[in-house]
C-alpha atoms as a PDB file:
ATOM      1  CA  MET A   1    -124.121  -6.234  58.767  1.00  0.00           C
ATOM      2  CA  ALA A   2    -123.419  -7.833  55.389  1.00  0.00           C
ATOM      3  CA  THR A   3    -123.263  -4.433  53.706  1.00  0.00           C
ATOM      4  CA  LYS A   4    -120.627  -3.242  56.171  1.00  0.00           C
ATOM      5  CA  LYS A   5    -118.413  -6.238  55.376  1.00  0.00           C
ATOM      6  CA  LYS A   6    -118.758  -5.624  51.643  1.00  0.00           C
ATOM      7  CA  ALA A   7    -117.877  -1.948  52.077  1.00  0.00           C
ATOM      8  CA  SER A   8    -114.786  -2.672  54.178  1.00  0.00           C
ATOM      9  CA  LYS A   9    -113.640  -5.343  51.674  1.00  0.00           C
ATOM     10  CA  ALA A  10    -114.009  -2.818  48.851  1.00  0.00           C
ATOM     11  CA  LYS A  11    -111.928  -0.292  50.767  1.00  0.00           C
ATOM     12  CA  ARG A  12    -109.141  -2.821  51.312  1.00  0.00           C
ATOM     13  CA  SER A  13    -108.996  -3.811  47.659  1.00  0.00           C
ATOM     14  CA  VAL A  14    -108.363  -0.247  46.461  1.00  0.00           C
ATOM     15  CA  LYS A  15    -104.642   0.249  46.036  1.00  0.00           C
ATOM     16  CA  SER A  16    -103.107   3.643  46.335  1.00  0.00           C
ATOM     17  CA  VAL A  17    -100.381   4.449  43.874  1.00  0.00           C
ATOM     18  CA  PRO A  18     -97.807   6.951  45.084  1.00  0.00           C
ATOM     19  CA  LYS A  19     -97.334   9.927  42.809  1.00  0.00           C
ATOM     20  CA  VAL A  20     -93.873   9.868  41.263  1.00  0.00           C
ATOM     21  CA  SER A  21     -92.583  12.823  39.322  1.00  0.00           C
ATOM     22  CA  PRO A  22     -91.424  11.951  35.800  1.00  0.00           C
ATOM     23  CA  THR A  23     -88.346  14.105  36.462  1.00  0.00           C
ATOM     24  CA  LYS A  24     -87.336  12.311  39.684  1.00  0.00           C
ATOM     25  CA  GLY A  25     -83.761  11.111  39.368  1.00  0.00           C
ATOM     26  CA  MET A  26     -83.175  13.096  36.178  1.00  0.00           C
ATOM     27  CA  ALA A  27     -79.747  14.726  35.894  1.00  0.00           C
ATOM     28  CA  VAL A  28     -79.874  18.481  36.407  1.00  0.00           C
ATOM     29  CA  ASP A  29     -78.324  19.232  33.008  1.00  0.00           C
ATOM     30  CA  ALA A  30     -80.884  16.975  31.307  1.00  0.00           C
ATOM     31  CA  TRP A  31     -83.682  18.685  33.256  1.00  0.00           C
ATOM     32  CA  ILE A  32     -82.469  22.107  32.097  1.00  0.00           C
ATOM     33  CA  GLU A  33     -82.406  20.977  28.464  1.00  0.00           C
ATOM     34  CA  LYS A  34     -85.842  19.374  28.671  1.00  0.00           C
ATOM     35  CA  GLN A  35     -87.758  21.704  30.995  1.00  0.00           C
ATOM     36  CA  VAL A  36     -86.299  25.200  30.591  1.00  0.00           C
ATOM     37  CA  ASP A  37     -87.075  27.612  27.743  1.00  0.00           C
ATOM     38  CA  PRO A  38     -83.872  28.115  25.729  1.00  0.00           C
ATOM     39  CA  LYS A  39     -83.900  31.852  26.498  1.00  0.00           C
ATOM     40  CA  PHE A  40     -83.459  31.046  30.227  1.00  0.00           C
ATOM     41  CA  ARG A  41     -81.133  28.042  30.119  1.00  0.00           C
ATOM     42  CA  GLN A  42     -77.932  30.027  30.583  1.00  0.00           C
ATOM     43  CA  LEU A  43     -79.410  32.066  33.443  1.00  0.00           C
ATOM     44  CA  VAL A  44     -80.526  28.881  35.224  1.00  0.00           C
ATOM     45  CA  LYS A  45     -77.047  27.391  34.740  1.00  0.00           C
ATOM     46  CA  ASP A  46     -75.413  30.593  36.010  1.00  0.00           C
ATOM     47  CA  LEU A  47     -77.636  30.716  39.103  1.00  0.00           C
ATOM     48  CA  LEU A  48     -76.932  27.090  39.932  1.00  0.00           C
ATOM     49  CA  ALA A  49     -73.186  27.588  39.411  1.00  0.00           C
ATOM     50  CA  LEU A  50     -73.210  30.641  41.696  1.00  0.00           C
ATOM     51  CA  ALA A  51     -75.151  28.767  44.347  1.00  0.00           C
ATOM     52  CA  ARG A  52     -72.814  25.750  44.150  1.00  0.00           C
ATOM     53  CA  LYS A  53     -69.778  28.017  44.450  1.00  0.00           C
ATOM     54  CA  ALA A  54     -71.303  29.742  47.506  1.00  0.00           C
ATOM     55  CA  ALA A  55     -72.215  26.365  49.040  1.00  0.00           C
ATOM     56  CA  PRO A  56     -69.527  23.925  47.884  1.00  0.00           C
ATOM     57  CA  ARG A  57     -70.637  21.172  50.280  1.00  0.00           C
ATOM     58  CA  SER A  58     -74.205  21.239  49.016  1.00  0.00           C
ATOM     59  CA  THR A  59     -75.803  18.604  46.836  1.00  0.00           C
ATOM     60  CA  LEU A  60     -77.804  19.427  43.742  1.00  0.00           C
ATOM     61  CA  SER A  61     -80.626  17.275  42.447  1.00  0.00           C
ATOM     62  CA  ILE A  62     -84.080  17.463  40.911  1.00  0.00           C
ATOM     63  CA  LYS A  63     -86.774  17.467  43.597  1.00  0.00           C
ATOM     64  CA  TRP A  64     -90.309  18.799  43.372  1.00  0.00           C
ATOM     65  CA  ASN A  65     -89.689  19.129  39.588  1.00  0.00           C
ATOM     66  CA  GLN A  66     -86.939  21.734  40.031  1.00  0.00           C
ATOM     67  CA  PRO A  67     -83.222  21.864  40.855  1.00  0.00           C
ATOM     68  CA  VAL A  68     -82.771  21.943  44.634  1.00  0.00           C
ATOM     69  CA  LEU A  69     -79.582  22.584  46.590  1.00  0.00           C
ATOM     70  CA  GLU A  70     -79.390  20.889  49.935  1.00  0.00           C
ATOM     71  CA  CYS A  71     -77.015  21.291  52.836  1.00  0.00           C
ATOM     72  CA  GLY A  72     -78.545  19.961  56.026  1.00  0.00           C
ATOM     73  CA  GLY A  73     -81.881  19.977  54.198  1.00  0.00           C
ATOM     74  CA  PRO A  74     -83.229  21.900  51.217  1.00  0.00           C
ATOM     75  CA  MET A  75     -82.216  25.547  51.092  1.00  0.00           C
ATOM     76  CA  VAL A  76     -82.327  26.858  47.503  1.00  0.00           C
ATOM     77  CA  PHE A  77     -84.378  26.076  44.405  1.00  0.00           C
ATOM     78  CA  VAL A  78     -84.329  27.465  40.878  1.00  0.00           C
ATOM     79  CA  ARG A  79     -87.352  27.522  38.590  1.00  0.00           C
ATOM     80  CA  ALA A  80     -87.972  29.075  35.187  1.00  0.00           C
ATOM     81  CA  ALA A  81     -91.314  30.685  34.361  1.00  0.00           C
ATOM     82  CA  LYS A  82     -92.487  32.352  31.141  1.00  0.00           C
ATOM     83  CA  ALA A  83     -91.041  35.812  31.806  1.00  0.00           C
ATOM     84  CA  HIS A  84     -88.502  35.257  34.590  1.00  0.00           C
ATOM     85  CA  VAL A  85     -86.349  32.822  36.536  1.00  0.00           C
ATOM     86  CA  THR A  86     -86.944  32.393  40.248  1.00  0.00           C
ATOM     87  CA  ILE A  87     -84.336  31.516  42.841  1.00  0.00           C
ATOM     88  CA  GLY A  88     -86.066  30.634  46.075  1.00  0.00           C
ATOM     89  CA  PHE A  89     -84.994  30.088  49.661  1.00  0.00           C
ATOM     90  CA  TRP A  90     -86.683  27.786  52.179  1.00  0.00           C
ATOM     91  CA  ARG A  91     -85.767  30.103  55.061  1.00  0.00           C
ATOM     92  CA  GLY A  92     -86.138  33.244  52.974  1.00  0.00           C
ATOM     93  CA  SER A  93     -88.103  35.124  55.627  1.00  0.00           C
ATOM     94  CA  GLU A  94     -85.023  34.908  57.859  1.00  0.00           C
ATOM     95  CA  LEU A  95     -82.527  36.171  55.271  1.00  0.00           C
ATOM     96  CA  ARG A  96     -81.050  39.642  55.460  1.00  0.00           C
ATOM     97  CA  ALA A  97     -81.639  41.255  52.067  1.00  0.00           C
ATOM     98  CA  PRO A  98     -82.199  44.774  50.779  1.00  0.00           C
ATOM     99  CA  ALA A  99     -85.817  45.880  51.204  1.00  0.00           C
ATOM    100  CA  GLY A 100     -88.090  44.748  48.414  1.00  0.00           C
ATOM    101  CA  VAL A 101     -85.637  42.291  46.854  1.00  0.00           C
ATOM    102  CA  LEU A 102     -87.190  39.066  48.119  1.00  0.00           C
ATOM    103  CA  GLU A 103     -90.828  38.332  47.366  1.00  0.00           C
ATOM    104  CA  GLY A 104     -93.293  36.060  49.125  1.00  0.00           C
ATOM    105  CA  ALA A 105     -95.872  36.250  51.829  1.00  0.00           C
ATOM    106  CA  GLY A 106     -95.647  32.872  53.545  1.00  0.00           C
ATOM    107  CA  ASP A 107     -94.169  32.310  56.971  1.00  0.00           C
ATOM    108  CA  ARG A 108     -90.886  30.892  55.624  1.00  0.00           C
ATOM    109  CA  MET A 109     -90.094  30.865  51.923  1.00  0.00           C
ATOM    110  CA  ARG A 110     -89.037  33.871  49.866  1.00  0.00           C
ATOM    111  CA  HIS A 111     -87.805  34.188  46.303  1.00  0.00           C
ATOM    112  CA  LEU A 112     -86.002  36.507  43.953  1.00  0.00           C
ATOM    113  CA  LYS A 113     -87.297  36.926  40.398  1.00  0.00           C
ATOM    114  CA  ILE A 114     -84.900  37.712  37.574  1.00  0.00           C
ATOM    115  CA  ALA A 115     -86.783  38.975  34.533  1.00  0.00           C
ATOM    116  CA  THR A 116     -85.812  38.552  30.903  1.00  0.00           C
ATOM    117  CA  GLY A 117     -82.903  40.856  30.121  1.00  0.00           C
ATOM    118  CA  ALA A 118     -82.239  41.767  33.769  1.00  0.00           C
ATOM    119  CA  THR A 119     -78.695  41.699  35.086  1.00  0.00           C
ATOM    120  CA  LEU A 120     -77.867  38.952  37.552  1.00  0.00           C
ATOM    121  CA  ASP A 121     -76.584  40.388  40.840  1.00  0.00           C
ATOM    122  CA  ALA A 122     -74.006  37.678  41.594  1.00  0.00           C
ATOM    123  CA  LYS A 123     -72.920  39.279  44.879  1.00  0.00           C
ATOM    124  CA  LEU A 124     -76.496  39.337  46.189  1.00  0.00           C
ATOM    125  CA  VAL A 125     -77.215  35.740  45.169  1.00  0.00           C
ATOM    126  CA  THR A 126     -73.938  34.536  46.694  1.00  0.00           C
ATOM    127  CA  ASP A 127     -74.677  36.339  49.962  1.00  0.00           C
ATOM    128  CA  LEU A 128     -78.214  34.924  50.168  1.00  0.00           C
ATOM    129  CA  VAL A 129     -77.019  31.367  49.506  1.00  0.00           C
ATOM    130  CA  LYS A 130     -74.310  31.664  52.178  1.00  0.00           C
ATOM    131  CA  GLN A 131     -76.920  32.900  54.652  1.00  0.00           C
ATOM    132  CA  ALA A 132     -79.156  29.946  53.752  1.00  0.00           C
ATOM    133  CA  VAL A 133     -76.290  27.503  54.409  1.00  0.00           C
ATOM    134  CA  LYS A 134     -75.621  29.107  57.786  1.00  0.00           C
ATOM    135  CA  LEU A 135     -79.299  29.001  58.792  1.00  0.00           C
ATOM    136  CA  ASN A 136     -79.566  25.298  57.916  1.00  0.00           C
ATOM    137  CA  ALA A 137     -76.373  24.607  59.903  1.00  0.00           C
ATOM    138  CA  GLU A 138     -77.779  26.449  62.919  1.00  0.00           C
ATOM    139  CA  LYS A 139     -81.405  25.323  62.751  1.00  0.00           C
ATOM    140  CA  GLY A 140     -81.400  22.022  60.855  1.00  0.00           C
ATOM    141  CA  ASP A 141     -83.565  20.813  58.003  1.00  0.00           C
ATOM    142  CA  PRO A 142     -86.275  23.410  57.277  1.00  0.00           C
ATOM    143  CA  THR A 143     -88.738  20.712  56.194  1.00  0.00           C
ATOM    144  CA  ARG A 144     -88.700  19.248  59.717  1.00  0.00           C
ATOM    145  CA  ARG A 145     -90.643  21.426  62.108  1.00  0.00           C
END
């Protein structure tokens, strides 16, 4: 019995420390300067500007170590990799897009990759963001199932 009490006391004394991202609360422009390869900075800025224009009531902040646009919940994220920039959509599997444009195999999220030197299809991005806004308005926050 004494060993059980010692074990339960040891369990209680262990404190859990929540994981906090070092980029939490960082301004988006500062995040771009610090986290994005210079060759992709302008593309990231252009994608975010397009998304904000398509969803003027959205908010933009750093979440999950990436810029996230929210309107009734998260809907769009932008992330730079080594050879491309990704714009992703929480409800991407529900978006109407030309065949083969959106990638991803999960039950919800899809993304569009823009490779180095590729031309940004502003009309496509704008349309996808507007669809994402509409889906969140109709169905609510996609992180709440």
